[in-house]
C-alpha cells in the first residue's frame, strides 16, 4: 500500500481509498445553490488517500473522476470515504 496521509483503512487488491470532494454551494457568479441543486450538479470527484497493491494507474494524491454508483461509502470518525475498484475510476484529473 502506498500512502502519504494517515489512512483509517488499508485498501486490498485493486481497491482505492478516496475522500470525496464536497459540492460547491456557490456558483462562480456568486449565486447560492440549495443543497439539493448543488448535489445534482456535483461532479463525481475525489482525492486519493491510499491505493492497494494491485492498482497500476492511480497514485496517492491524484484527483479522480469516478463512476457514480461504483464506490462503497464508509465513515470513520464522522468523515466519509469511498472504497472503489480501479476500474470504477474513470479518469485522473491532470489540471
PDB file of N, CA and C in Angstrom:
ATOM      1  N   UNK A   1       0.843  -1.182   0.000  1.00  0.00           N
ATOM      2  CA  UNK A   1       0.000   0.000   0.000  1.00  0.00           C
ATOM      3  C   UNK A   1       0.882   1.237   0.000  1.00  0.00           C
ATOM      4  N   UNK A   2       0.506   2.200  -0.830  1.00  0.00           N
ATOM      5  CA  UNK A   2       1.220   3.468  -0.872  1.00  0.00           C
ATOM      6  C   UNK A   2       0.314   4.517  -0.245  1.00  0.00           C
ATOM      7  N   UNK A   3       0.822   5.275   0.712  1.00  0.00           N
ATOM      8  CA  UNK A   3       0.014   6.305   1.337  1.00  0.00           C
ATOM      9  C   UNK A   3       0.893   7.401   1.915  1.00  0.00           C
ATOM     10  N   UNK A   4       0.421   8.651   1.866  1.00  0.00           N
ATOM     11  CA  UNK A   4       1.157   9.754   2.472  1.00  0.00           C
ATOM     12  C   UNK A   4       0.365  10.364   3.617  1.00  0.00           C
ATOM     13  N   UNK A   5      -0.947  10.107   3.663  1.00  0.00           N
ATOM     14  CA  UNK A   5      -1.815  10.620   4.709  1.00  0.00           C
ATOM     15  C   UNK A   5      -2.162   9.468   5.623  1.00  0.00           C
ATOM     16  N   UNK A   6      -2.296   9.736   6.922  1.00  0.00           N
ATOM     17  CA  UNK A   6      -2.710   8.670   7.832  1.00  0.00           C
ATOM     18  C   UNK A   6      -4.092   8.196   7.411  1.00  0.00           C
ATOM     19  N   UNK A   7      -4.170   6.947   7.035  1.00  0.00           N
ATOM     20  CA  UNK A   7      -5.386   6.379   6.473  1.00  0.00           C
ATOM     21  C   UNK A   7      -6.067   5.474   7.492  1.00  0.00           C
ATOM     22  N   UNK A   8      -7.397   5.605   7.657  1.00  0.00           N
ATOM     23  CA  UNK A   8      -8.105   4.731   8.584  1.00  0.00           C
ATOM     24  C   UNK A   8      -8.326   3.323   8.020  1.00  0.00           C
ATOM     25  N   UNK A   9      -8.105   3.142   6.732  1.00  0.00           N
ATOM     26  CA  UNK A   9      -8.301   1.847   6.076  1.00  0.00           C
ATOM     27  C   UNK A   9      -7.103   1.528   5.189  1.00  0.00           C
ATOM     28  N   UNK A  10      -6.842   0.243   5.000  1.00  0.00           N
ATOM     29  CA  UNK A  10      -5.786  -0.211   4.090  1.00  0.00           C
ATOM     30  C   UNK A  10      -6.456  -0.955   2.943  1.00  0.00           C
ATOM     31  N   UNK A  11      -6.502  -0.338   1.760  1.00  0.00           N
ATOM     32  CA  UNK A  11      -7.171  -0.989   0.623  1.00  0.00           C
ATOM     33  C   UNK A  11      -6.441  -2.265   0.204  1.00  0.00           C
ATOM     34  N   UNK A  12      -7.213  -3.251  -0.200  1.00  0.00           N
ATOM     35  CA  UNK A  12      -6.666  -4.518  -0.655  1.00  0.00           C
ATOM     36  C   UNK A  12      -6.784  -4.620  -2.172  1.00  0.00           C
ATOM     37  N   UNK A  13      -5.959  -5.455  -2.757  1.00  0.00           N
ATOM     38  CA  UNK A  13      -6.027  -5.784  -4.182  1.00  0.00           C
ATOM     39  C   UNK A  13      -6.025  -4.534  -5.058  1.00  0.00           C
ATOM     40  N   UNK A  14      -7.053  -4.380  -5.904  1.00  0.00           N
ATOM     41  CA  UNK A  14      -7.098  -3.234  -6.834  1.00  0.00           C
ATOM     42  C   UNK A  14      -8.013  -2.130  -6.318  1.00  0.00           C
ATOM     43  N   UNK A  15      -8.155  -2.022  -5.002  1.00  0.00           N
ATOM     44  CA  UNK A  15      -9.045  -1.022  -4.406  1.00  0.00           C
ATOM     45  C   UNK A  15      -8.326   0.307  -4.179  1.00  0.00           C
ATOM     46  N   UNK A  16      -9.114   1.374  -4.221  1.00  0.00           N
ATOM     47  CA  UNK A  16      -8.633   2.740  -3.984  1.00  0.00           C
ATOM     48  C   UNK A  16      -9.450   3.326  -2.845  1.00  0.00           C
ATOM     49  N   UNK A  17      -8.784   3.968  -1.893  1.00  0.00           N
ATOM     50  CA  UNK A  17      -9.457   4.706  -0.829  1.00  0.00           C
ATOM     51  C   UNK A  17      -9.372   6.180  -1.185  1.00  0.00           C
ATOM     52  N   UNK A  18     -10.514   6.843  -1.254  1.00  0.00           N
ATOM     53  CA  UNK A  18     -10.543   8.248  -1.661  1.00  0.00           C
ATOM     54  C   UNK A  18     -11.506   9.027  -0.782  1.00  0.00           C
ATOM     55  N   UNK A  19     -11.276  10.326  -0.713  1.00  0.00           N
ATOM     56  CA  UNK A  19     -12.160  11.220   0.034  1.00  0.00           C
ATOM     57  C   UNK A  19     -12.898  12.079  -0.986  1.00  0.00           C
ATOM     58  N   UNK A  20     -14.245  12.007  -0.987  1.00  0.00           N
ATOM     59  CA  UNK A  20     -14.999  12.778  -1.978  1.00  0.00           C
ATOM     60  C   UNK A  20     -14.818  14.277  -1.784  1.00  0.00           C
ATOM     61  N   UNK A  21     -14.844  14.999  -2.893  1.00  0.00           N
ATOM     62  CA  UNK A  21     -14.751  16.451  -2.869  1.00  0.00           C
ATOM     63  C   UNK A  21     -16.168  16.997  -2.711  1.00  0.00           C
ATOM     64  N   UNK A  22     -16.353  17.898  -1.762  1.00  0.00           N
ATOM     65  CA  UNK A  22     -17.670  18.461  -1.472  1.00  0.00           C
ATOM     66  C   UNK A  22     -18.195  19.273  -2.660  1.00  0.00           C
ATOM     67  N   UNK A  23     -19.496  19.242  -2.852  1.00  0.00           N
ATOM     68  CA  UNK A  23     -20.136  20.006  -3.920  1.00  0.00           C
ATOM     69  C   UNK A  23     -20.074  21.496  -3.589  1.00  0.00           C
ATOM     70  N   UNK A  24     -19.880  22.294  -4.617  1.00  0.00           N
ATOM     71  CA  UNK A  24     -19.870  23.750  -4.446  1.00  0.00           C
ATOM     72  C   UNK A  24     -21.279  24.228  -4.088  1.00  0.00           C
ATOM     73  N   UNK A  25     -21.381  25.150  -3.149  1.00  0.00           N
ATOM     74  CA  UNK A  25     -22.685  25.690  -2.777  1.00  0.00           C
ATOM     75  C   UNK A  25     -22.892  27.093  -3.338  1.00  0.00           C
ATOM     76  N   UNK A  26     -21.916  27.553  -4.118  1.00  0.00           N
ATOM     77  CA  UNK A  26     -21.988  28.892  -4.694  1.00  0.00           C
ATOM     78  C   UNK A  26     -21.394  28.826  -6.100  1.00  0.00           C
ATOM     79  N   UNK A  27     -22.068  29.434  -7.062  1.00  0.00           N
ATOM     80  CA  UNK A  27     -21.554  29.453  -8.428  1.00  0.00           C
ATOM     81  C   UNK A  27     -20.446  30.494  -8.547  1.00  0.00           C
ATOM     82  N   UNK A  28     -19.724  30.479  -9.656  1.00  0.00           N
ATOM     83  CA  UNK A  28     -18.650  31.455  -9.883  1.00  0.00           C
ATOM     84  C   UNK A  28     -19.181  32.882  -9.914  1.00  0.00           C
ATOM     85  N   UNK A  29     -20.439  33.041 -10.323  1.00  0.00           N
ATOM     86  CA  UNK A  29     -21.023  34.384 -10.371  1.00  0.00           C
ATOM     87  C   UNK A  29     -21.613  34.813  -9.025  1.00  0.00           C
ATOM     88  N   UNK A  30     -21.543  33.937  -8.001  1.00  0.00           N
ATOM     89  CA  UNK A  30     -21.980  34.308  -6.663  1.00  0.00           C
ATOM     90  C   UNK A  30     -23.370  33.850  -6.278  1.00  0.00           C
ATOM     91  N   UNK A  31     -24.037  33.089  -7.131  1.00  0.00           N
ATOM     92  CA  UNK A  31     -25.385  32.608  -6.812  1.00  0.00           C
ATOM     93  C   UNK A  31     -25.278  31.437  -5.835  1.00  0.00           C
ATOM     94  N   UNK A  32     -26.023  31.522  -4.744  1.00  0.00           N
ATOM     95  CA  UNK A  32     -26.036  30.437  -3.760  1.00  0.00           C
ATOM     96  C   UNK A  32     -26.964  29.328  -4.238  1.00  0.00           C
ATOM     97  N   UNK A  33     -26.499  28.093  -4.131  1.00  0.00           N
ATOM     98  CA  UNK A  33     -27.287  26.938  -4.559  1.00  0.00           C
ATOM     99  C   UNK A  33     -27.892  26.251  -3.336  1.00  0.00           C
ATOM    100  N   UNK A  34     -29.089  25.715  -3.501  1.00  0.00           N
ATOM    101  CA  UNK A  34     -29.659  24.910  -2.432  1.00  0.00           C
ATOM    102  C   UNK A  34     -28.875  23.609  -2.359  1.00  0.00           C
ATOM    103  N   UNK A  35     -28.978  22.931  -1.245  1.00  0.00           N
ATOM    104  CA  UNK A  35     -28.232  21.680  -1.075  1.00  0.00           C
ATOM    105  C   UNK A  35     -28.611  20.655  -2.131  1.00  0.00           C
ATOM    106  N   UNK A  36     -29.891  20.594  -2.477  1.00  0.00           N
ATOM    107  CA  UNK A  36     -30.372  19.636  -3.470  1.00  0.00           C
ATOM    108  C   UNK A  36     -29.795  19.925  -4.853  1.00  0.00           C
ATOM    109  N   UNK A  37     -29.815  21.183  -5.275  1.00  0.00           N
ATOM    110  CA  UNK A  37     -29.294  21.516  -6.604  1.00  0.00           C
ATOM    111  C   UNK A  37     -27.777  21.398  -6.658  1.00  0.00           C
ATOM    112  N   UNK A  38     -27.096  21.688  -5.556  1.00  0.00           N
ATOM    113  CA  UNK A  38     -25.644  21.530  -5.510  1.00  0.00           C
ATOM    114  C   UNK A  38     -25.272  20.054  -5.655  1.00  0.00           C
ATOM    115  N   UNK A  39     -26.050  19.182  -5.033  1.00  0.00           N
ATOM    116  CA  UNK A  39     -25.789  17.741  -5.106  1.00  0.00           C
ATOM    117  C   UNK A  39     -25.992  17.228  -6.530  1.00  0.00           C
ATOM    118  N   UNK A  40     -27.010  17.727  -7.224  1.00  0.00           N
ATOM    119  CA  UNK A  40     -27.284  17.293  -8.599  1.00  0.00           C
ATOM    120  C   UNK A  40     -26.192  17.753  -9.562  1.00  0.00           C
ATOM    121  N   UNK A  41     -25.629  18.920  -9.316  1.00  0.00           N
ATOM    122  CA  UNK A  41     -24.622  19.483 -10.219  1.00  0.00           C
ATOM    123  C   UNK A  41     -23.210  19.004  -9.880  1.00  0.00           C
ATOM    124  N   UNK A  42     -23.062  18.289  -8.787  1.00  0.00           N
ATOM    125  CA  UNK A  42     -21.749  17.886  -8.307  1.00  0.00           C
ATOM    126  C   UNK A  42     -21.070  16.886  -9.239  1.00  0.00           C
ATOM    127  N   UNK A  43     -19.865  17.178  -9.673  1.00  0.00           N
ATOM    128  CA  UNK A  43     -19.124  16.157 -10.416  1.00  0.00           C
ATOM    129  C   UNK A  43     -18.651  15.091  -9.434  1.00  0.00           C
ATOM    130  N   UNK A  44     -18.494  13.899  -9.892  1.00  0.00           N
ATOM    131  CA  UNK A  44     -18.053  12.805  -9.029  1.00  0.00           C
ATOM    132  C   UNK A  44     -16.527  12.835  -8.953  1.00  0.00           C
ATOM    133  N   UNK A  45     -16.003  13.684  -8.091  1.00  0.00           N
ATOM    134  CA  UNK A  45     -14.563  13.863  -7.917  1.00  0.00           C
ATOM    135  C   UNK A  45     -14.141  13.454  -6.516  1.00  0.00           C
ATOM    136  N   UNK A  46     -12.919  12.941  -6.401  1.00  0.00           N
ATOM    137  CA  UNK A  46     -12.385  12.554  -5.095  1.00  0.00           C
ATOM    138  C   UNK A  46     -10.861  12.658  -5.101  1.00  0.00           C
ATOM    139  N   UNK A  47     -10.302  12.839  -3.914  1.00  0.00           N
ATOM    140  CA  UNK A  47      -8.849  12.836  -3.738  1.00  0.00           C
ATOM    141  C   UNK A  47      -8.432  11.462  -3.231  1.00  0.00           C
ATOM    142  N   UNK A  48      -7.425  10.872  -3.846  1.00  0.00           N
ATOM    143  CA  UNK A  48      -6.956   9.539  -3.486  1.00  0.00           C
ATOM    144  C   UNK A  48      -6.118   9.612  -2.209  1.00  0.00           C
ATOM    145  N   UNK A  49      -6.498   8.809  -1.218  1.00  0.00           N
ATOM    146  CA  UNK A  49      -5.814   8.765   0.073  1.00  0.00           C
ATOM    147  C   UNK A  49      -4.831   7.592   0.136  1.00  0.00           C
ATOM    148  N   UNK A  50      -5.252   6.441  -0.391  1.00  0.00           N
ATOM    149  CA  UNK A  50      -4.403   5.245  -0.372  1.00  0.00           C
ATOM    150  C   UNK A  50      -4.807   4.326  -1.516  1.00  0.00           C
ATOM    151  N   UNK A  51      -3.878   3.502  -1.977  1.00  0.00           N
ATOM    152  CA  UNK A  51      -4.159   2.538  -3.041  1.00  0.00           C
ATOM    153  C   UNK A  51      -3.655   1.162  -2.633  1.00  0.00           C
ATOM    154  N   UNK A  52      -4.364   0.139  -3.097  1.00  0.00           N
ATOM    155  CA  UNK A  52      -3.959  -1.228  -2.816  1.00  0.00           C
ATOM    156  C   UNK A  52      -2.798  -1.645  -3.707  1.00  0.00           C
ATOM    157  N   UNK A  53      -2.202  -2.804  -3.432  1.00  0.00           N
ATOM    158  CA  UNK A  53      -1.021  -3.261  -4.173  1.00  0.00           C
ATOM    159  C   UNK A  53      -1.283  -3.600  -5.637  1.00  0.00           C
ATOM    160  N   UNK A  54      -2.543  -3.831  -6.017  1.00  0.00           N
ATOM    161  CA  UNK A  54      -2.858  -4.186  -7.401  1.00  0.00           C
ATOM    162  C   UNK A  54      -3.201  -2.991  -8.282  1.00  0.00           C
ATOM    163  N   UNK A  55      -3.185  -1.796  -7.736  1.00  0.00           N
ATOM    164  CA  UNK A  55      -3.539  -0.601  -8.507  1.00  0.00           C
ATOM    165  C   UNK A  55      -2.343  -0.174  -9.347  1.00  0.00           C
ATOM    166  N   UNK A  56      -2.572   0.042 -10.651  1.00  0.00           N
ATOM    167  CA  UNK A  56      -1.469   0.347 -11.557  1.00  0.00           C
ATOM    168  C   UNK A  56      -1.446   1.781 -12.069  1.00  0.00           C
ATOM    169  N   UNK A  57      -2.625   2.395 -12.309  1.00  0.00           N
ATOM    170  CA  UNK A  57      -2.652   3.687 -12.989  1.00  0.00           C
ATOM    171  C   UNK A  57      -2.981   4.885 -12.106  1.00  0.00           C
ATOM    172  N   UNK A  58      -3.372   4.669 -10.877  1.00  0.00           N
ATOM    173  CA  UNK A  58      -3.751   5.755  -9.970  1.00  0.00           C
ATOM    174  C   UNK A  58      -2.750   5.795  -8.826  1.00  0.00           C
ATOM    175  N   UNK A  59      -2.392   7.031  -8.419  1.00  0.00           N
ATOM    176  CA  UNK A  59      -1.426   7.201  -7.335  1.00  0.00           C
ATOM    177  C   UNK A  59      -2.052   7.985  -6.187  1.00  0.00           C
ATOM    178  N   UNK A  60      -1.455   7.863  -5.022  1.00  0.00           N
ATOM    179  CA  UNK A  60      -1.862   8.655  -3.870  1.00  0.00           C
ATOM    180  C   UNK A  60      -1.724  10.131  -4.227  1.00  0.00           C
ATOM    181  N   UNK A  61      -2.651  10.946  -3.778  1.00  0.00           N
ATOM    182  CA  UNK A  61      -2.725  12.388  -4.012  1.00  0.00           C
ATOM    183  C   UNK A  61      -3.275  12.758  -5.390  1.00  0.00           C
ATOM    184  N   UNK A  62      -3.619  11.769  -6.240  1.00  0.00           N
ATOM    185  CA  UNK A  62      -4.294  12.075  -7.503  1.00  0.00           C
ATOM    186  C   UNK A  62      -5.718  12.523  -7.205  1.00  0.00           C
ATOM    187  N   UNK A  63      -6.274  13.322  -8.095  1.00  0.00           N
ATOM    188  CA  UNK A  63      -7.692  13.662  -8.051  1.00  0.00           C
ATOM    189  C   UNK A  63      -8.341  12.852  -9.170  1.00  0.00           C
ATOM    190  N   UNK A  64      -9.401  12.124  -8.836  1.00  0.00           N
ATOM    191  CA  UNK A  64     -10.012  11.218  -9.797  1.00  0.00           C
ATOM    192  C   UNK A  64     -11.475  11.556 -10.053  1.00  0.00           C
ATOM    193  N   UNK A  65     -11.958  11.143 -11.222  1.00  0.00           N
ATOM    194  CA  UNK A  65     -13.376  11.149 -11.560  1.00  0.00           C
ATOM    195  C   UNK A  65     -13.805   9.688 -11.456  1.00  0.00           C
ATOM    196  N   UNK A  66     -14.892   9.435 -10.722  1.00  0.00           N
ATOM    197  CA  UNK A  66     -15.304   8.044 -10.510  1.00  0.00           C
ATOM    198  C   UNK A  66     -16.751   7.829 -10.939  1.00  0.00           C
ATOM    199  N   UNK A  67     -17.079   6.569 -11.206  1.00  0.00           N
ATOM    200  CA  UNK A  67     -18.443   6.201 -11.583  1.00  0.00           C
ATOM    201  C   UNK A  67     -19.374   6.426 -10.400  1.00  0.00           C
ATOM    202  N   UNK A  68     -20.504   7.057 -10.651  1.00  0.00           N
ATOM    203  CA  UNK A  68     -21.421   7.460  -9.578  1.00  0.00           C
ATOM    204  C   UNK A  68     -21.832   6.301  -8.673  1.00  0.00           C
ATOM    205  N   UNK A  69     -22.140   5.163  -9.236  1.00  0.00           N
ATOM    206  CA  UNK A  69     -22.615   4.038  -8.433  1.00  0.00           C
ATOM    207  C   UNK A  69     -21.529   2.997  -8.175  1.00  0.00           C
ATOM    208  N   UNK A  70     -20.269   3.320  -8.480  1.00  0.00           N
ATOM    209  CA  UNK A  70     -19.182   2.365  -8.307  1.00  0.00           C
ATOM    210  C   UNK A  70     -18.676   2.191  -6.883  1.00  0.00           C
ATOM    211  N   UNK A  71     -18.460   3.278  -6.132  1.00  0.00           N
ATOM    212  CA  UNK A  71     -17.796   3.130  -4.843  1.00  0.00           C
ATOM    213  C   UNK A  71     -18.722   2.710  -3.705  1.00  0.00           C
ATOM    214  N   UNK A  72     -18.109   2.085  -2.706  1.00  0.00           N
ATOM    215  CA  UNK A  72     -18.774   1.826  -1.432  1.00  0.00           C
ATOM    216  C   UNK A  72     -18.429   2.977  -0.515  1.00  0.00           C
ATOM    217  N   UNK A  73     -19.428   3.514   0.195  1.00  0.00           N
ATOM    218  CA  UNK A  73     -19.194   4.626   1.111  1.00  0.00           C
ATOM    219  C   UNK A  73     -18.997   4.074   2.514  1.00  0.00           C
ATOM    220  N   UNK A  74     -17.942   4.549   3.182  1.00  0.00           N
ATOM    221  CA  UNK A  74     -17.668   4.164   4.565  1.00  0.00           C
ATOM    222  C   UNK A  74     -17.370   5.429   5.365  1.00  0.00           C
ATOM    223  N   UNK A  75     -17.704   5.396   6.657  1.00  0.00           N
ATOM    224  CA  UNK A  75     -17.429   6.539   7.521  1.00  0.00           C
ATOM    225  C   UNK A  75     -16.484   6.114   8.632  1.00  0.00           C
ATOM    226  N   UNK A  76     -15.583   7.022   8.981  1.00  0.00           N
ATOM    227  CA  UNK A  76     -14.660   6.806  10.091  1.00  0.00           C
ATOM    228  C   UNK A  76     -14.520   8.133  10.832  1.00  0.00           C
ATOM    229  N   UNK A  77     -14.873   8.162  12.093  1.00  0.00           N
ATOM    230  CA  UNK A  77     -14.833   9.389  12.903  1.00  0.00           C
ATOM    231  C   UNK A  77     -15.597  10.530  12.244  1.00  0.00           C
ATOM    232  N   UNK A  78     -16.737  10.227  11.629  1.00  0.00           N
ATOM    233  CA  UNK A  78     -17.578  11.249  11.024  1.00  0.00           C
ATOM    234  C   UNK A  78     -17.131  11.720   9.645  1.00  0.00           C
ATOM    235  N   UNK A  79     -16.049  11.157   9.117  1.00  0.00           N
ATOM    236  CA  UNK A  79     -15.538  11.536   7.798  1.00  0.00           C
ATOM    237  C   UNK A  79     -15.924  10.443   6.799  1.00  0.00           C
ATOM    238  N   UNK A  80     -16.500  10.856   5.657  1.00  0.00           N
ATOM    239  CA  UNK A  80     -16.898   9.885   4.643  1.00  0.00           C
ATOM    240  C   UNK A  80     -15.751   9.604   3.685  1.00  0.00           C
ATOM    241  N   UNK A  81     -15.521   8.321   3.421  1.00  0.00           N
ATOM    242  CA  UNK A  81     -14.514   7.874   2.470  1.00  0.00           C
ATOM    243  C   UNK A  81     -15.189   6.995   1.426  1.00  0.00           C
ATOM    244  N   UNK A  82     -14.524   6.820   0.300  1.00  0.00           N
ATOM    245  CA  UNK A  82     -15.001   5.941  -0.754  1.00  0.00           C
ATOM    246  C   UNK A  82     -13.993   4.819  -0.950  1.00  0.00           C
ATOM    247  N   UNK A  83     -14.488   3.605  -1.096  1.00  0.00           N
ATOM    248  CA  UNK A  83     -13.657   2.462  -1.474  1.00  0.00           C
ATOM    249  C   UNK A  83     -14.153   2.005  -2.843  1.00  0.00           C
ATOM    250  N   UNK A  84     -13.262   2.047  -3.833  1.00  0.00           N
ATOM    251  CA  UNK A  84     -13.681   1.669  -5.170  1.00  0.00           C
ATOM    252  C   UNK A  84     -12.604   0.849  -5.869  1.00  0.00           C
ATOM    253  N   UNK A  85     -13.042   0.055  -6.828  1.00  0.00           N
ATOM    254  CA  UNK A  85     -12.106  -0.692  -7.662  1.00  0.00           C
ATOM    255  C   UNK A  85     -11.456   0.275  -8.649  1.00  0.00           C
ATOM    256  N   UNK A  86     -10.254  -0.046  -9.068  1.00  0.00           N
ATOM    257  CA  UNK A  86      -9.567   0.810 -10.029  1.00  0.00           C
ATOM    258  C   UNK A  86     -10.395   0.966 -11.312  1.00  0.00           C
ATOM    259  N   UNK A  87     -11.136  -0.058 -11.709  1.00  0.00           N
ATOM    260  CA  UNK A  87     -11.943   0.027 -12.932  1.00  0.00           C
ATOM    261  C   UNK A  87     -13.107   1.020 -12.793  1.00  0.00           C
ATOM    262  N   UNK A  88     -13.492   1.379 -11.553  1.00  0.00           N
ATOM    263  CA  UNK A  88     -14.543   2.379 -11.342  1.00  0.00           C
ATOM    264  C   UNK A  88     -14.012   3.798 -11.419  1.00  0.00           C
ATOM    265  N   UNK A  89     -12.694   3.938 -11.514  1.00  0.00           N
ATOM    266  CA  UNK A  89     -12.061   5.248 -11.690  1.00  0.00           C
ATOM    267  C   UNK A  89     -12.084   5.533 -13.188  1.00  0.00           C
ATOM    268  N   UNK A  90     -12.797   6.601 -13.580  1.00  0.00           N
ATOM    269  CA  UNK A  90     -12.973   6.907 -14.994  1.00  0.00           C
ATOM    270  C   UNK A  90     -11.816   7.742 -15.574  1.00  0.00           C
ATOM    271  N   UNK A  91     -11.206   8.583 -14.737  1.00  0.00           N
ATOM    272  CA  UNK A  91     -10.136   9.446 -15.217  1.00  0.00           C
ATOM    273  C   UNK A  91      -9.361  10.021 -14.033  1.00  0.00           C
ATOM    274  N   UNK A  92      -8.136  10.428 -14.318  1.00  0.00           N
ATOM    275  CA  UNK A  92      -7.324  11.170 -13.360  1.00  0.00           C
ATOM    276  C   UNK A  92      -7.300  12.616 -13.844  1.00  0.00           C
ATOM    277  N   UNK A  93      -7.631  13.544 -12.954  1.00  0.00           N
ATOM    278  CA  UNK A  93      -7.631  14.960 -13.314  1.00  0.00           C
ATOM    279  C   UNK A  93      -6.190  15.417 -13.453  1.00  0.00           C
ATOM    280  N   UNK A  94      -5.864  16.055 -14.570  1.00  0.00           N
ATOM    281  CA  UNK A  94      -4.479  16.464 -14.831  1.00  0.00           C
ATOM    282  C   UNK A  94      -4.222  17.932 -14.618  1.00  0.00           C
ATOM    283  N   UNK A  95      -5.264  18.730 -14.406  1.00  0.00           N
ATOM    284  CA  UNK A  95      -5.064  20.167 -14.194  1.00  0.00           C
ATOM    285  C   UNK A  95      -5.610  20.593 -12.875  1.00  0.00           C
TER     286      UNK A  95
END
